[in-house]
């Protein structure tokens, strides 16, 4: 709201400075009319309209972003907070942890956002792949057939039994989206995780990555 108000005030001042010199009476009338017009503007309503028209493009207008993931429904919602009001921005179908594992839950933060990421599998993961007949390199480059990060990864602060390797990321098999079959991470379609990562990067560049909250349940 403050940004919109400042913008309008600047436009008003620029317009006023472009008006040719008039009589004092005319200037006084012009000033009164202008002030009356400003008073009629409903700033909160205009801000709501801006966000409704294109909430994704205007992502930086929010004070805080909130990512909520429901593992029982394999559903994610990106929300924005502005003036103590929370609005839904975008929703996604995702994959979450298998039902037989201890999944990350509760409130956390985002620590980093990477497009076209490398994947650094743990020794435990490399051994698990070996049992399946797959030799994973210690560093899996972007675009590699076994880069399970897909096109983007968003690192989280959530910890389970001392492990903090949980992320929101893409996938090499989009047919698995909507199922409970990961090792605790949240998987997304590659096009959608790229969109999400781009939005978060844009927001964090304007505000702060610390203003992005993640709630897992």
N, C-alpha and C. Protein backbone atom coordinates (compact mmCIF):
# COMPACT_ATOMS: atom_id res chain seq x y z
N UNK A 1 0.83 -1.19 0.00
CA UNK A 1 0.00 0.00 0.00
C UNK A 1 0.87 1.25 0.00
N UNK A 2 1.96 1.26 0.81
CA UNK A 2 2.86 2.41 0.88
C UNK A 2 3.53 2.64 -0.48
N UNK A 3 3.89 1.53 -1.16
CA UNK A 3 4.55 1.63 -2.46
C UNK A 3 3.61 2.29 -3.46
N UNK A 4 2.35 1.83 -3.47
CA UNK A 4 1.36 2.37 -4.40
C UNK A 4 1.11 3.85 -4.12
N UNK A 5 1.01 4.21 -2.83
CA UNK A 5 0.76 5.59 -2.44
C UNK A 5 1.90 6.48 -2.91
N UNK A 6 3.15 6.03 -2.67
CA UNK A 6 4.32 6.81 -3.07
C UNK A 6 4.35 7.01 -4.57
N UNK A 7 4.02 5.94 -5.31
CA UNK A 7 3.99 6.02 -6.76
C UNK A 7 2.99 7.08 -7.24
N UNK A 8 1.79 7.06 -6.64
CA UNK A 8 0.76 8.00 -7.04
C UNK A 8 1.15 9.44 -6.71
N UNK A 9 1.75 9.61 -5.54
CA UNK A 9 2.17 10.97 -5.14
C UNK A 9 3.20 11.51 -6.12
N UNK A 10 4.16 10.64 -6.53
CA UNK A 10 5.18 11.06 -7.49
C UNK A 10 4.55 11.46 -8.82
N UNK A 11 3.56 10.63 -9.26
CA UNK A 11 2.89 10.94 -10.51
C UNK A 11 2.15 12.27 -10.42
N UNK A 12 1.52 12.51 -9.26
CA UNK A 12 0.80 13.77 -9.05
C UNK A 12 1.76 14.95 -9.13
N UNK A 13 2.91 14.84 -8.48
CA UNK A 13 3.89 15.92 -8.47
C UNK A 13 4.43 16.18 -9.87
N UNK A 14 4.69 15.10 -10.61
CA UNK A 14 5.19 15.27 -11.97
C UNK A 14 4.16 15.96 -12.85
N UNK A 15 2.89 15.56 -12.68
CA UNK A 15 1.83 16.17 -13.47
C UNK A 15 1.69 17.65 -13.13
N UNK A 16 1.76 17.95 -11.83
CA UNK A 16 1.60 19.33 -11.39
C UNK A 16 2.71 20.21 -11.95
N UNK A 17 3.94 19.67 -11.98
CA UNK A 17 5.07 20.46 -12.46
C UNK A 17 5.00 20.72 -13.96
N UNK A 18 4.22 19.87 -14.66
CA UNK A 18 4.11 20.05 -16.12
C UNK A 18 3.04 21.06 -16.51
N UNK A 19 2.21 21.46 -15.56
CA UNK A 19 1.14 22.42 -15.86
C UNK A 19 1.74 23.82 -16.01
N UNK A 20 1.33 24.52 -17.03
CA UNK A 20 1.86 25.87 -17.25
C UNK A 20 1.40 26.80 -16.14
N UNK A 21 2.16 27.87 -15.93
CA UNK A 21 1.83 28.79 -14.86
C UNK A 21 0.44 29.36 -15.07
N UNK A 22 -0.32 29.41 -14.00
CA UNK A 22 -1.68 29.91 -14.03
C UNK A 22 -1.82 31.01 -12.98
N UNK A 23 -3.00 31.61 -12.90
CA UNK A 23 -3.24 32.62 -11.87
C UNK A 23 -3.26 31.95 -10.53
N UNK A 24 -3.09 32.73 -9.46
CA UNK A 24 -3.11 32.17 -8.12
C UNK A 24 -4.44 31.50 -7.85
N UNK A 25 -5.54 32.10 -8.33
CA UNK A 25 -6.86 31.52 -8.10
C UNK A 25 -6.97 30.16 -8.77
N UNK A 26 -6.48 30.08 -10.01
CA UNK A 26 -6.54 28.82 -10.74
C UNK A 26 -5.69 27.76 -10.05
N UNK A 27 -4.49 28.15 -9.57
CA UNK A 27 -3.60 27.21 -8.89
C UNK A 27 -4.28 26.68 -7.64
N UNK A 28 -4.95 27.59 -6.91
CA UNK A 28 -5.61 27.17 -5.67
C UNK A 28 -6.72 26.17 -5.97
N UNK A 29 -7.49 26.46 -7.02
CA UNK A 29 -8.58 25.55 -7.41
C UNK A 29 -8.03 24.21 -7.83
N UNK A 30 -6.97 24.23 -8.64
CA UNK A 30 -6.34 23.00 -9.11
C UNK A 30 -5.88 22.16 -7.92
N UNK A 31 -5.26 22.82 -6.92
CA UNK A 31 -4.77 22.10 -5.76
C UNK A 31 -5.89 21.47 -4.96
N UNK A 32 -6.99 22.20 -4.76
CA UNK A 32 -8.13 21.67 -4.01
C UNK A 32 -8.74 20.48 -4.71
N UNK A 33 -8.91 20.58 -6.03
CA UNK A 33 -9.50 19.48 -6.79
C UNK A 33 -8.62 18.23 -6.72
N UNK A 34 -7.32 18.45 -6.80
CA UNK A 34 -6.38 17.33 -6.78
C UNK A 34 -6.43 16.61 -5.43
N UNK A 35 -6.46 17.38 -4.35
CA UNK A 35 -6.52 16.78 -3.02
C UNK A 35 -7.82 16.00 -2.83
N UNK A 36 -8.90 16.53 -3.36
CA UNK A 36 -10.18 15.82 -3.26
C UNK A 36 -10.13 14.49 -4.01
N UNK A 37 -9.47 14.51 -5.18
CA UNK A 37 -9.35 13.28 -5.97
C UNK A 37 -8.52 12.24 -5.22
N UNK A 38 -7.45 12.67 -4.58
CA UNK A 38 -6.59 11.75 -3.83
C UNK A 38 -7.35 11.12 -2.68
N UNK A 39 -8.19 11.92 -2.01
CA UNK A 39 -8.95 11.41 -0.87
C UNK A 39 -9.92 10.32 -1.29
N UNK A 40 -10.37 10.35 -2.56
CA UNK A 40 -11.35 9.38 -3.03
C UNK A 40 -10.72 8.02 -3.36
N UNK A 41 -9.41 7.97 -3.45
CA UNK A 41 -8.75 6.72 -3.83
C UNK A 41 -8.81 5.72 -2.68
N UNK A 42 -9.25 4.50 -2.99
CA UNK A 42 -9.28 3.42 -1.99
C UNK A 42 -8.03 2.58 -2.18
N UNK A 43 -6.96 2.92 -1.44
CA UNK A 43 -5.67 2.28 -1.65
C UNK A 43 -5.68 0.78 -1.39
N UNK A 44 -6.23 0.29 -0.26
CA UNK A 44 -6.26 -1.16 -0.03
C UNK A 44 -6.99 -1.91 -1.14
N UNK A 45 -8.10 -1.32 -1.60
CA UNK A 45 -8.87 -1.98 -2.66
C UNK A 45 -8.05 -2.04 -3.94
N UNK A 46 -7.34 -0.96 -4.26
CA UNK A 46 -6.51 -0.96 -5.45
C UNK A 46 -5.40 -1.99 -5.35
N UNK A 47 -4.80 -2.14 -4.17
CA UNK A 47 -3.75 -3.14 -3.99
C UNK A 47 -4.31 -4.53 -4.17
N UNK A 48 -5.49 -4.79 -3.64
CA UNK A 48 -6.14 -6.09 -3.82
C UNK A 48 -6.35 -6.38 -5.30
N UNK A 49 -6.79 -5.36 -6.04
CA UNK A 49 -7.04 -5.54 -7.47
C UNK A 49 -5.76 -5.85 -8.22
N UNK A 50 -4.68 -5.18 -7.84
CA UNK A 50 -3.38 -5.43 -8.49
C UNK A 50 -2.97 -6.88 -8.30
N UNK A 51 -3.09 -7.37 -7.05
CA UNK A 51 -2.69 -8.75 -6.75
C UNK A 51 -3.61 -9.76 -7.42
N UNK A 52 -4.91 -9.44 -7.48
CA UNK A 52 -5.85 -10.36 -8.13
C UNK A 52 -5.59 -10.46 -9.62
N UNK A 53 -5.21 -9.34 -10.24
CA UNK A 53 -4.97 -9.34 -11.68
C UNK A 53 -3.79 -10.21 -12.06
N UNK A 54 -2.73 -10.19 -11.28
CA UNK A 54 -1.54 -10.99 -11.59
C UNK A 54 -0.73 -11.21 -10.32
N UNK A 55 -1.20 -12.12 -9.42
CA UNK A 55 -0.51 -12.33 -8.14
C UNK A 55 0.91 -12.86 -8.30
N UNK A 56 1.16 -13.59 -9.38
CA UNK A 56 2.50 -14.15 -9.57
C UNK A 56 3.48 -13.07 -10.00
N UNK A 57 3.07 -12.25 -10.97
CA UNK A 57 3.95 -11.18 -11.45
C UNK A 57 4.23 -10.17 -10.33
N UNK A 58 3.26 -9.97 -9.45
CA UNK A 58 3.40 -8.98 -8.37
C UNK A 58 3.83 -9.63 -7.06
N UNK A 59 4.59 -10.68 -7.14
CA UNK A 59 4.99 -11.46 -5.96
C UNK A 59 5.74 -10.61 -4.94
N UNK A 60 6.46 -9.59 -5.39
CA UNK A 60 7.28 -8.79 -4.47
C UNK A 60 6.45 -7.81 -3.65
N UNK A 61 5.15 -7.68 -3.95
CA UNK A 61 4.31 -6.78 -3.16
C UNK A 61 3.97 -7.39 -1.80
N UNK A 62 4.12 -8.71 -1.67
CA UNK A 62 3.80 -9.36 -0.40
C UNK A 62 4.91 -9.11 0.63
N UNK A 63 4.51 -9.13 1.90
CA UNK A 63 5.47 -8.97 2.99
C UNK A 63 6.14 -10.29 3.33
N UNK A 64 5.42 -11.39 3.13
CA UNK A 64 5.92 -12.71 3.48
C UNK A 64 5.30 -13.75 2.56
N UNK A 65 6.06 -14.79 2.23
CA UNK A 65 5.53 -15.91 1.48
C UNK A 65 5.46 -17.13 2.39
N UNK A 66 4.43 -17.93 2.19
CA UNK A 66 4.21 -19.12 3.02
C UNK A 66 3.97 -20.31 2.10
N UNK A 67 4.74 -21.37 2.31
CA UNK A 67 4.55 -22.62 1.57
C UNK A 67 3.97 -23.64 2.53
N UNK A 68 2.81 -24.17 2.19
CA UNK A 68 2.18 -25.19 3.03
C UNK A 68 2.07 -26.49 2.24
N UNK A 69 2.53 -27.60 2.86
CA UNK A 69 2.49 -28.91 2.20
C UNK A 69 1.73 -29.89 3.09
N UNK A 70 0.72 -30.50 2.51
CA UNK A 70 -0.07 -31.52 3.21
C UNK A 70 0.28 -32.88 2.62
N UNK A 71 1.04 -33.69 3.38
CA UNK A 71 1.49 -34.98 2.85
C UNK A 71 0.37 -36.01 2.77
N UNK A 72 -0.73 -35.78 3.50
CA UNK A 72 -1.86 -36.72 3.42
C UNK A 72 -2.62 -36.55 2.11
N UNK A 73 -2.52 -35.36 1.52
CA UNK A 73 -3.20 -35.09 0.25
C UNK A 73 -2.22 -34.88 -0.90
N UNK A 74 -0.91 -34.86 -0.57
CA UNK A 74 0.12 -34.56 -1.57
C UNK A 74 -0.21 -33.28 -2.32
N UNK A 75 -0.39 -32.23 -1.52
CA UNK A 75 -0.86 -30.96 -2.04
C UNK A 75 -0.04 -29.82 -1.44
N UNK A 76 0.38 -28.90 -2.28
CA UNK A 76 1.15 -27.74 -1.83
C UNK A 76 0.43 -26.46 -2.23
N UNK A 77 0.45 -25.47 -1.32
CA UNK A 77 -0.12 -24.16 -1.62
C UNK A 77 0.91 -23.08 -1.30
N UNK A 78 1.13 -22.19 -2.24
CA UNK A 78 1.96 -21.01 -2.01
C UNK A 78 1.04 -19.86 -1.68
N UNK A 79 1.29 -19.21 -0.52
CA UNK A 79 0.46 -18.11 -0.07
C UNK A 79 1.31 -16.87 0.17
N UNK A 80 0.63 -15.71 0.13
CA UNK A 80 1.30 -14.45 0.41
C UNK A 80 0.61 -13.70 1.53
N UNK A 81 1.41 -13.05 2.37
CA UNK A 81 0.86 -12.28 3.48
C UNK A 81 1.06 -10.80 3.23
N UNK A 82 -0.02 -10.04 3.38
CA UNK A 82 0.04 -8.59 3.19
C UNK A 82 -0.98 -7.94 4.11
N UNK A 83 -0.52 -7.00 4.93
CA UNK A 83 -1.41 -6.29 5.87
C UNK A 83 -2.21 -7.26 6.73
N UNK A 84 -1.51 -8.29 7.24
CA UNK A 84 -2.12 -9.31 8.12
C UNK A 84 -3.20 -10.14 7.45
N UNK A 85 -3.25 -10.08 6.12
CA UNK A 85 -4.16 -10.93 5.37
C UNK A 85 -3.34 -11.93 4.56
N UNK A 86 -3.81 -13.17 4.49
CA UNK A 86 -3.11 -14.21 3.76
C UNK A 86 -3.93 -14.63 2.55
N UNK A 87 -3.29 -14.60 1.38
CA UNK A 87 -3.98 -14.93 0.14
C UNK A 87 -3.29 -16.11 -0.54
N UNK A 88 -4.05 -17.00 -1.13
CA UNK A 88 -3.49 -18.11 -1.90
C UNK A 88 -3.02 -17.57 -3.25
N UNK A 89 -1.80 -17.95 -3.63
CA UNK A 89 -1.22 -17.48 -4.89
C UNK A 89 -1.24 -18.58 -5.95
N UNK A 90 -0.76 -19.78 -5.56
CA UNK A 90 -0.67 -20.88 -6.51
C UNK A 90 -0.73 -22.20 -5.75
N UNK A 91 -1.26 -23.23 -6.39
CA UNK A 91 -1.30 -24.55 -5.76
C UNK A 91 -0.69 -25.59 -6.69
N UNK A 92 -0.15 -26.66 -6.10
CA UNK A 92 0.54 -27.68 -6.88
C UNK A 92 0.23 -29.07 -6.31
N UNK A 93 0.17 -30.05 -7.18
CA UNK A 93 0.15 -31.45 -6.74
C UNK A 93 1.60 -31.90 -6.60
N UNK A 94 1.93 -32.57 -5.51
CA UNK A 94 3.32 -32.95 -5.24
C UNK A 94 3.39 -34.41 -4.78
N UNK A 95 4.61 -34.89 -4.64
CA UNK A 95 4.85 -36.18 -3.99
C UNK A 95 5.56 -35.93 -2.67
N UNK A 96 5.24 -36.72 -1.66
CA UNK A 96 5.86 -36.55 -0.34
C UNK A 96 6.39 -37.90 0.16
N UNK A 97 6.87 -37.91 1.39
CA UNK A 97 7.53 -39.09 1.94
C UNK A 97 6.64 -40.33 2.03
N UNK A 98 7.29 -41.47 1.90
CA UNK A 98 6.57 -42.74 2.03
C UNK A 98 5.92 -42.84 3.40
N UNK A 99 4.87 -43.62 3.48
CA UNK A 99 4.13 -43.73 4.74
C UNK A 99 4.87 -44.52 5.80
N UNK A 100 5.91 -45.26 5.39
CA UNK A 100 6.66 -46.07 6.35
C UNK A 100 7.90 -45.38 6.90
N UNK A 101 8.06 -44.08 6.58
CA UNK A 101 9.23 -43.35 7.09
C UNK A 101 8.80 -42.19 7.96
N UNK A 102 9.76 -41.68 8.71
CA UNK A 102 9.52 -40.51 9.55
C UNK A 102 9.75 -39.27 8.70
N UNK A 103 8.69 -38.53 8.44
CA UNK A 103 8.77 -37.39 7.53
C UNK A 103 9.04 -36.09 8.29
N UNK A 104 9.65 -35.10 7.62
CA UNK A 104 9.82 -33.78 8.25
C UNK A 104 8.46 -33.10 8.39
N UNK A 105 8.24 -32.46 9.52
CA UNK A 105 6.98 -31.76 9.76
C UNK A 105 7.25 -30.43 10.46
N UNK A 106 6.21 -29.62 10.57
CA UNK A 106 6.31 -28.37 11.31
C UNK A 106 6.82 -27.21 10.50
N UNK A 107 7.16 -26.14 11.21
CA UNK A 107 7.59 -24.88 10.58
C UNK A 107 9.08 -24.91 10.28
N UNK A 108 9.45 -24.36 9.15
CA UNK A 108 10.85 -24.24 8.78
C UNK A 108 11.06 -23.07 7.84
N UNK A 109 12.27 -22.98 7.34
CA UNK A 109 12.64 -21.90 6.43
C UNK A 109 13.31 -22.45 5.19
N UNK A 110 13.51 -21.58 4.23
CA UNK A 110 14.27 -21.90 3.01
C UNK A 110 15.68 -21.38 3.20
N UNK A 111 16.68 -22.21 2.90
CA UNK A 111 18.08 -21.78 3.05
C UNK A 111 18.72 -21.40 1.72
N UNK A 112 18.26 -22.02 0.62
CA UNK A 112 18.81 -21.69 -0.69
C UNK A 112 17.85 -22.14 -1.78
N UNK A 113 17.96 -21.49 -2.93
CA UNK A 113 17.10 -21.77 -4.08
C UNK A 113 18.01 -21.88 -5.31
N UNK A 114 17.95 -23.01 -5.99
CA UNK A 114 18.87 -23.23 -7.11
C UNK A 114 18.14 -23.76 -8.33
N UNK A 115 18.35 -23.10 -9.45
CA UNK A 115 17.85 -23.59 -10.73
C UNK A 115 18.92 -24.43 -11.40
N UNK A 116 18.52 -25.48 -12.12
CA UNK A 116 19.44 -26.41 -12.78
C UNK A 116 20.54 -26.87 -11.82
N UNK A 117 20.14 -27.50 -10.73
CA UNK A 117 21.10 -27.82 -9.66
C UNK A 117 21.93 -29.07 -9.93
N UNK A 118 23.10 -29.10 -9.30
CA UNK A 118 23.85 -30.34 -9.16
C UNK A 118 23.20 -31.11 -8.01
N UNK A 119 23.38 -32.41 -8.00
CA UNK A 119 22.91 -33.23 -6.88
C UNK A 119 24.11 -33.89 -6.23
N UNK A 120 24.19 -33.78 -4.91
CA UNK A 120 25.27 -34.38 -4.15
C UNK A 120 24.69 -35.49 -3.27
N UNK A 121 24.52 -36.69 -3.82
CA UNK A 121 23.90 -37.77 -3.04
C UNK A 121 24.79 -38.17 -1.87
N UNK A 122 24.16 -38.54 -0.76
CA UNK A 122 24.90 -39.00 0.41
C UNK A 122 25.49 -40.38 0.14
N UNK A 123 26.45 -40.78 0.96
CA UNK A 123 27.04 -42.12 0.83
C UNK A 123 25.96 -43.19 0.98
N UNK A 124 25.02 -42.93 1.87
CA UNK A 124 23.91 -43.86 2.09
C UNK A 124 23.07 -44.02 0.83
N UNK A 125 22.83 -42.89 0.14
CA UNK A 125 22.05 -42.92 -1.09
C UNK A 125 22.80 -43.65 -2.19
N UNK A 126 24.10 -43.40 -2.29
CA UNK A 126 24.92 -44.07 -3.31
C UNK A 126 24.90 -45.58 -3.10
N UNK A 127 24.98 -46.01 -1.84
CA UNK A 127 24.93 -47.45 -1.54
C UNK A 127 23.56 -48.03 -1.89
N UNK A 128 22.51 -47.28 -1.60
CA UNK A 128 21.16 -47.75 -1.92
C UNK A 128 20.98 -47.92 -3.42
N UNK A 129 21.56 -47.03 -4.20
CA UNK A 129 21.46 -47.14 -5.65
C UNK A 129 22.29 -48.31 -6.17
N UNK A 130 23.42 -48.55 -5.53
CA UNK A 130 24.25 -49.69 -5.93
C UNK A 130 23.49 -51.00 -5.83
N UNK A 131 22.69 -51.13 -4.79
CA UNK A 131 21.89 -52.34 -4.61
C UNK A 131 20.85 -52.50 -5.72
N UNK A 132 20.53 -51.41 -6.37
CA UNK A 132 19.58 -51.45 -7.48
C UNK A 132 20.30 -51.54 -8.83
N UNK A 133 21.63 -51.67 -8.76
CA UNK A 133 22.42 -51.80 -9.98
C UNK A 133 22.75 -50.50 -10.66
N UNK A 134 22.63 -49.40 -9.91
CA UNK A 134 22.90 -48.07 -10.48
C UNK A 134 24.12 -47.46 -9.81
N UNK A 135 25.12 -47.09 -10.61
CA UNK A 135 26.33 -46.45 -10.10
C UNK A 135 26.17 -44.94 -10.17
N UNK A 136 25.91 -44.35 -9.03
CA UNK A 136 25.75 -42.89 -8.99
C UNK A 136 27.11 -42.21 -8.81
N UNK A 137 27.38 -41.15 -9.57
CA UNK A 137 28.58 -40.37 -9.28
C UNK A 137 28.38 -39.57 -7.99
N UNK A 138 29.46 -39.15 -7.36
CA UNK A 138 29.33 -38.38 -6.12
C UNK A 138 28.75 -37.00 -6.38
N UNK A 139 28.95 -36.51 -7.60
CA UNK A 139 28.35 -35.24 -8.00
C UNK A 139 27.59 -35.50 -9.29
N UNK A 140 26.26 -35.35 -9.23
CA UNK A 140 25.41 -35.61 -10.39
C UNK A 140 25.08 -34.27 -11.05
N UNK A 141 25.53 -34.06 -12.29
CA UNK A 141 25.35 -32.74 -12.93
C UNK A 141 23.92 -32.49 -13.38
N UNK A 142 23.59 -31.23 -13.67
CA UNK A 142 22.26 -30.89 -14.19
C UNK A 142 21.99 -31.64 -15.49
N UNK A 143 20.76 -32.11 -15.65
CA UNK A 143 20.40 -32.80 -16.88
C UNK A 143 20.78 -34.27 -16.92
N UNK A 144 21.52 -34.75 -15.93
CA UNK A 144 21.91 -36.17 -15.88
C UNK A 144 20.66 -37.02 -15.69
N UNK A 145 20.64 -38.19 -16.28
CA UNK A 145 19.46 -39.05 -16.21
C UNK A 145 19.10 -39.47 -14.80
N UNK A 146 20.11 -39.42 -13.88
CA UNK A 146 19.83 -39.78 -12.49
C UNK A 146 19.92 -38.59 -11.54
N UNK A 147 19.77 -37.39 -12.07
CA UNK A 147 19.74 -36.22 -11.19
C UNK A 147 18.31 -36.06 -10.66
N UNK A 148 18.08 -36.57 -9.47
CA UNK A 148 16.75 -36.59 -8.89
C UNK A 148 16.27 -35.20 -8.44
N UNK A 149 17.12 -34.20 -8.54
CA UNK A 149 16.69 -32.84 -8.21
C UNK A 149 15.86 -32.22 -9.32
N UNK A 150 15.95 -32.78 -10.51
CA UNK A 150 15.20 -32.20 -11.63
C UNK A 150 15.74 -30.83 -12.00
N UNK A 151 14.84 -29.90 -12.30
CA UNK A 151 15.25 -28.59 -12.81
C UNK A 151 15.47 -27.52 -11.74
N UNK A 152 15.11 -27.83 -10.49
CA UNK A 152 15.32 -26.85 -9.41
C UNK A 152 15.28 -27.55 -8.05
N UNK A 153 15.96 -26.95 -7.08
CA UNK A 153 15.87 -27.47 -5.71
C UNK A 153 15.81 -26.30 -4.74
N UNK A 154 15.02 -26.50 -3.70
CA UNK A 154 14.81 -25.48 -2.67
C UNK A 154 15.13 -26.15 -1.34
N UNK A 155 16.26 -25.81 -0.75
CA UNK A 155 16.70 -26.45 0.49
C UNK A 155 15.93 -25.92 1.69
N UNK A 156 15.57 -26.83 2.60
CA UNK A 156 14.78 -26.48 3.77
C UNK A 156 15.57 -26.69 5.05
N UNK A 157 15.11 -26.09 6.14
CA UNK A 157 15.79 -26.21 7.43
C UNK A 157 15.26 -27.37 8.27
N UNK A 158 14.23 -28.06 7.81
CA UNK A 158 13.62 -29.14 8.60
C UNK A 158 14.64 -30.25 8.89
N UNK A 159 14.56 -30.79 10.11
CA UNK A 159 15.50 -31.83 10.55
C UNK A 159 14.71 -33.03 11.09
N UNK A 160 15.13 -34.22 10.70
CA UNK A 160 14.56 -35.47 11.22
C UNK A 160 15.71 -36.37 11.65
N UNK A 161 15.73 -36.70 12.94
CA UNK A 161 16.78 -37.57 13.49
C UNK A 161 18.19 -37.10 13.10
N UNK A 162 18.40 -35.81 13.19
CA UNK A 162 19.72 -35.24 12.91
C UNK A 162 20.01 -34.98 11.45
N UNK A 163 19.13 -35.40 10.56
CA UNK A 163 19.35 -35.20 9.12
C UNK A 163 18.61 -33.94 8.65
N UNK A 164 19.33 -33.11 7.89
CA UNK A 164 18.70 -31.88 7.38
C UNK A 164 18.87 -31.78 5.87
N UNK A 165 18.68 -32.91 5.19
CA UNK A 165 18.84 -32.96 3.74
C UNK A 165 17.49 -32.97 3.02
N UNK A 166 16.56 -32.20 3.55
CA UNK A 166 15.21 -32.19 2.97
C UNK A 166 15.03 -30.98 2.06
N UNK A 167 14.37 -31.24 0.94
CA UNK A 167 14.23 -30.20 -0.08
C UNK A 167 12.88 -30.29 -0.78
N UNK A 168 12.54 -29.22 -1.45
CA UNK A 168 11.51 -29.23 -2.47
C UNK A 168 12.27 -29.26 -3.79
N UNK A 169 11.99 -30.23 -4.66
CA UNK A 169 12.77 -30.32 -5.90
C UNK A 169 11.95 -30.96 -7.01
N UNK A 170 12.54 -31.02 -8.20
CA UNK A 170 11.89 -31.63 -9.35
C UNK A 170 12.00 -33.15 -9.29
N UNK A 171 11.83 -33.79 -10.42
CA UNK A 171 11.86 -35.26 -10.46
C UNK A 171 12.30 -35.75 -11.82
N UNK A 172 12.73 -37.01 -11.88
CA UNK A 172 13.06 -37.61 -13.18
C UNK A 172 11.88 -38.43 -13.70
N UNK A 173 10.83 -38.55 -12.90
CA UNK A 173 9.66 -39.33 -13.31
C UNK A 173 8.39 -38.63 -12.81
N UNK A 174 7.80 -37.83 -13.67
CA UNK A 174 6.63 -37.04 -13.26
C UNK A 174 5.38 -37.87 -13.05
N UNK A 175 5.40 -39.14 -13.46
CA UNK A 175 4.24 -40.01 -13.22
C UNK A 175 4.09 -40.34 -11.74
N UNK A 176 5.13 -40.07 -10.96
CA UNK A 176 5.07 -40.35 -9.51
C UNK A 176 4.44 -39.21 -8.72
N UNK A 177 4.21 -38.07 -9.37
CA UNK A 177 3.64 -36.93 -8.67
C UNK A 177 2.24 -37.28 -8.18
N UNK A 178 1.99 -36.93 -6.91
CA UNK A 178 0.70 -37.23 -6.30
C UNK A 178 0.75 -38.46 -5.39
N UNK A 179 1.93 -39.09 -5.30
CA UNK A 179 2.06 -40.29 -4.48
C UNK A 179 2.95 -40.04 -3.26
N UNK A 180 2.85 -40.92 -2.30
CA UNK A 180 3.75 -40.89 -1.13
C UNK A 180 4.88 -41.88 -1.39
N UNK A 181 5.97 -41.40 -1.96
CA UNK A 181 7.03 -42.35 -2.26
C UNK A 181 8.45 -41.77 -2.22
N UNK A 182 8.60 -40.58 -1.70
CA UNK A 182 9.95 -40.02 -1.57
C UNK A 182 10.56 -40.43 -0.24
N UNK A 183 11.81 -40.04 -0.02
CA UNK A 183 12.50 -40.32 1.24
C UNK A 183 12.34 -39.19 2.24
N UNK A 184 11.37 -38.33 1.97
CA UNK A 184 11.09 -37.21 2.88
C UNK A 184 11.03 -35.87 2.18
N UNK A 185 11.62 -35.79 0.98
CA UNK A 185 11.58 -34.54 0.22
C UNK A 185 10.20 -34.36 -0.43
N UNK A 186 9.98 -33.16 -0.92
CA UNK A 186 8.75 -32.85 -1.65
C UNK A 186 9.12 -32.73 -3.12
N UNK A 187 8.56 -33.62 -3.93
CA UNK A 187 8.85 -33.62 -5.36
C UNK A 187 7.75 -32.89 -6.12
N UNK A 188 8.17 -32.20 -7.18
CA UNK A 188 7.22 -31.46 -8.03
C UNK A 188 7.51 -31.74 -9.49
N UNK A 189 6.54 -31.42 -10.34
CA UNK A 189 6.79 -31.45 -11.78
C UNK A 189 7.87 -30.42 -12.08
N UNK A 190 8.73 -30.72 -13.04
CA UNK A 190 9.87 -29.85 -13.31
C UNK A 190 9.46 -28.44 -13.72
N UNK A 191 8.45 -28.32 -14.56
CA UNK A 191 8.00 -26.99 -14.98
C UNK A 191 7.48 -26.20 -13.78
N UNK A 192 6.80 -26.89 -12.87
CA UNK A 192 6.21 -26.21 -11.73
C UNK A 192 7.25 -25.84 -10.67
N UNK A 193 8.22 -26.71 -10.45
CA UNK A 193 9.25 -26.37 -9.46
C UNK A 193 10.13 -25.24 -9.99
N UNK A 194 10.31 -25.17 -11.31
CA UNK A 194 11.04 -24.05 -11.90
C UNK A 194 10.28 -22.75 -11.68
N UNK A 195 8.96 -22.80 -11.86
CA UNK A 195 8.13 -21.61 -11.61
C UNK A 195 8.24 -21.18 -10.15
N UNK A 196 8.10 -22.16 -9.24
CA UNK A 196 8.15 -21.84 -7.81
C UNK A 196 9.50 -21.26 -7.43
N UNK A 197 10.58 -21.89 -7.88
CA UNK A 197 11.93 -21.41 -7.55
C UNK A 197 12.16 -20.01 -8.09
N UNK A 198 11.65 -19.73 -9.28
CA UNK A 198 11.80 -18.40 -9.88
C UNK A 198 11.06 -17.36 -9.06
N UNK A 199 9.85 -17.69 -8.62
CA UNK A 199 9.07 -16.78 -7.79
C UNK A 199 9.78 -16.50 -6.47
N UNK A 200 10.28 -17.56 -5.84
CA UNK A 200 10.96 -17.39 -4.56
C UNK A 200 12.24 -16.57 -4.70
N UNK A 201 12.96 -16.80 -5.79
CA UNK A 201 14.17 -16.01 -6.04
C UNK A 201 13.83 -14.54 -6.23
N UNK A 202 12.79 -14.28 -6.99
CA UNK A 202 12.37 -12.89 -7.24
C UNK A 202 11.97 -12.22 -5.93
N UNK A 203 11.22 -12.95 -5.10
CA UNK A 203 10.79 -12.39 -3.82
C UNK A 203 11.98 -12.17 -2.89
N UNK A 204 12.86 -13.16 -2.77
CA UNK A 204 13.99 -13.04 -1.85
C UNK A 204 14.97 -11.95 -2.27
N UNK A 205 15.09 -11.70 -3.58
CA UNK A 205 15.95 -10.62 -4.05
C UNK A 205 15.38 -9.26 -3.65
N UNK A 206 14.05 -9.16 -3.61
CA UNK A 206 13.39 -7.90 -3.26
C UNK A 206 13.23 -7.73 -1.75
N UNK A 207 12.89 -8.79 -1.06
CA UNK A 207 12.65 -8.75 0.38
C UNK A 207 13.80 -9.48 1.09
N UNK A 208 13.55 -10.74 1.48
CA UNK A 208 14.58 -11.54 2.14
C UNK A 208 14.16 -13.00 2.10
N UNK A 209 15.12 -13.89 1.93
CA UNK A 209 14.81 -15.32 1.96
C UNK A 209 14.27 -15.73 3.32
N UNK A 210 14.60 -14.96 4.36
CA UNK A 210 14.11 -15.24 5.70
C UNK A 210 12.60 -14.98 5.82
N UNK A 211 12.04 -14.28 4.87
CA UNK A 211 10.60 -13.99 4.87
C UNK A 211 9.79 -15.06 4.15
N UNK A 212 10.44 -16.20 3.88
CA UNK A 212 9.74 -17.33 3.28
C UNK A 212 9.61 -18.43 4.34
N UNK A 213 8.40 -18.76 4.71
CA UNK A 213 8.15 -19.79 5.71
C UNK A 213 7.61 -21.06 5.05
N UNK A 214 7.98 -22.20 5.60
CA UNK A 214 7.53 -23.49 5.05
C UNK A 214 6.90 -24.32 6.17
N UNK A 215 5.66 -24.74 5.96
CA UNK A 215 4.95 -25.56 6.94
C UNK A 215 4.65 -26.92 6.32
N UNK A 216 5.18 -27.99 6.94
CA UNK A 216 4.96 -29.34 6.45
C UNK A 216 4.10 -30.11 7.44
N UNK A 217 3.11 -30.85 6.92
CA UNK A 217 2.33 -31.70 7.81
C UNK A 217 1.94 -32.99 7.10
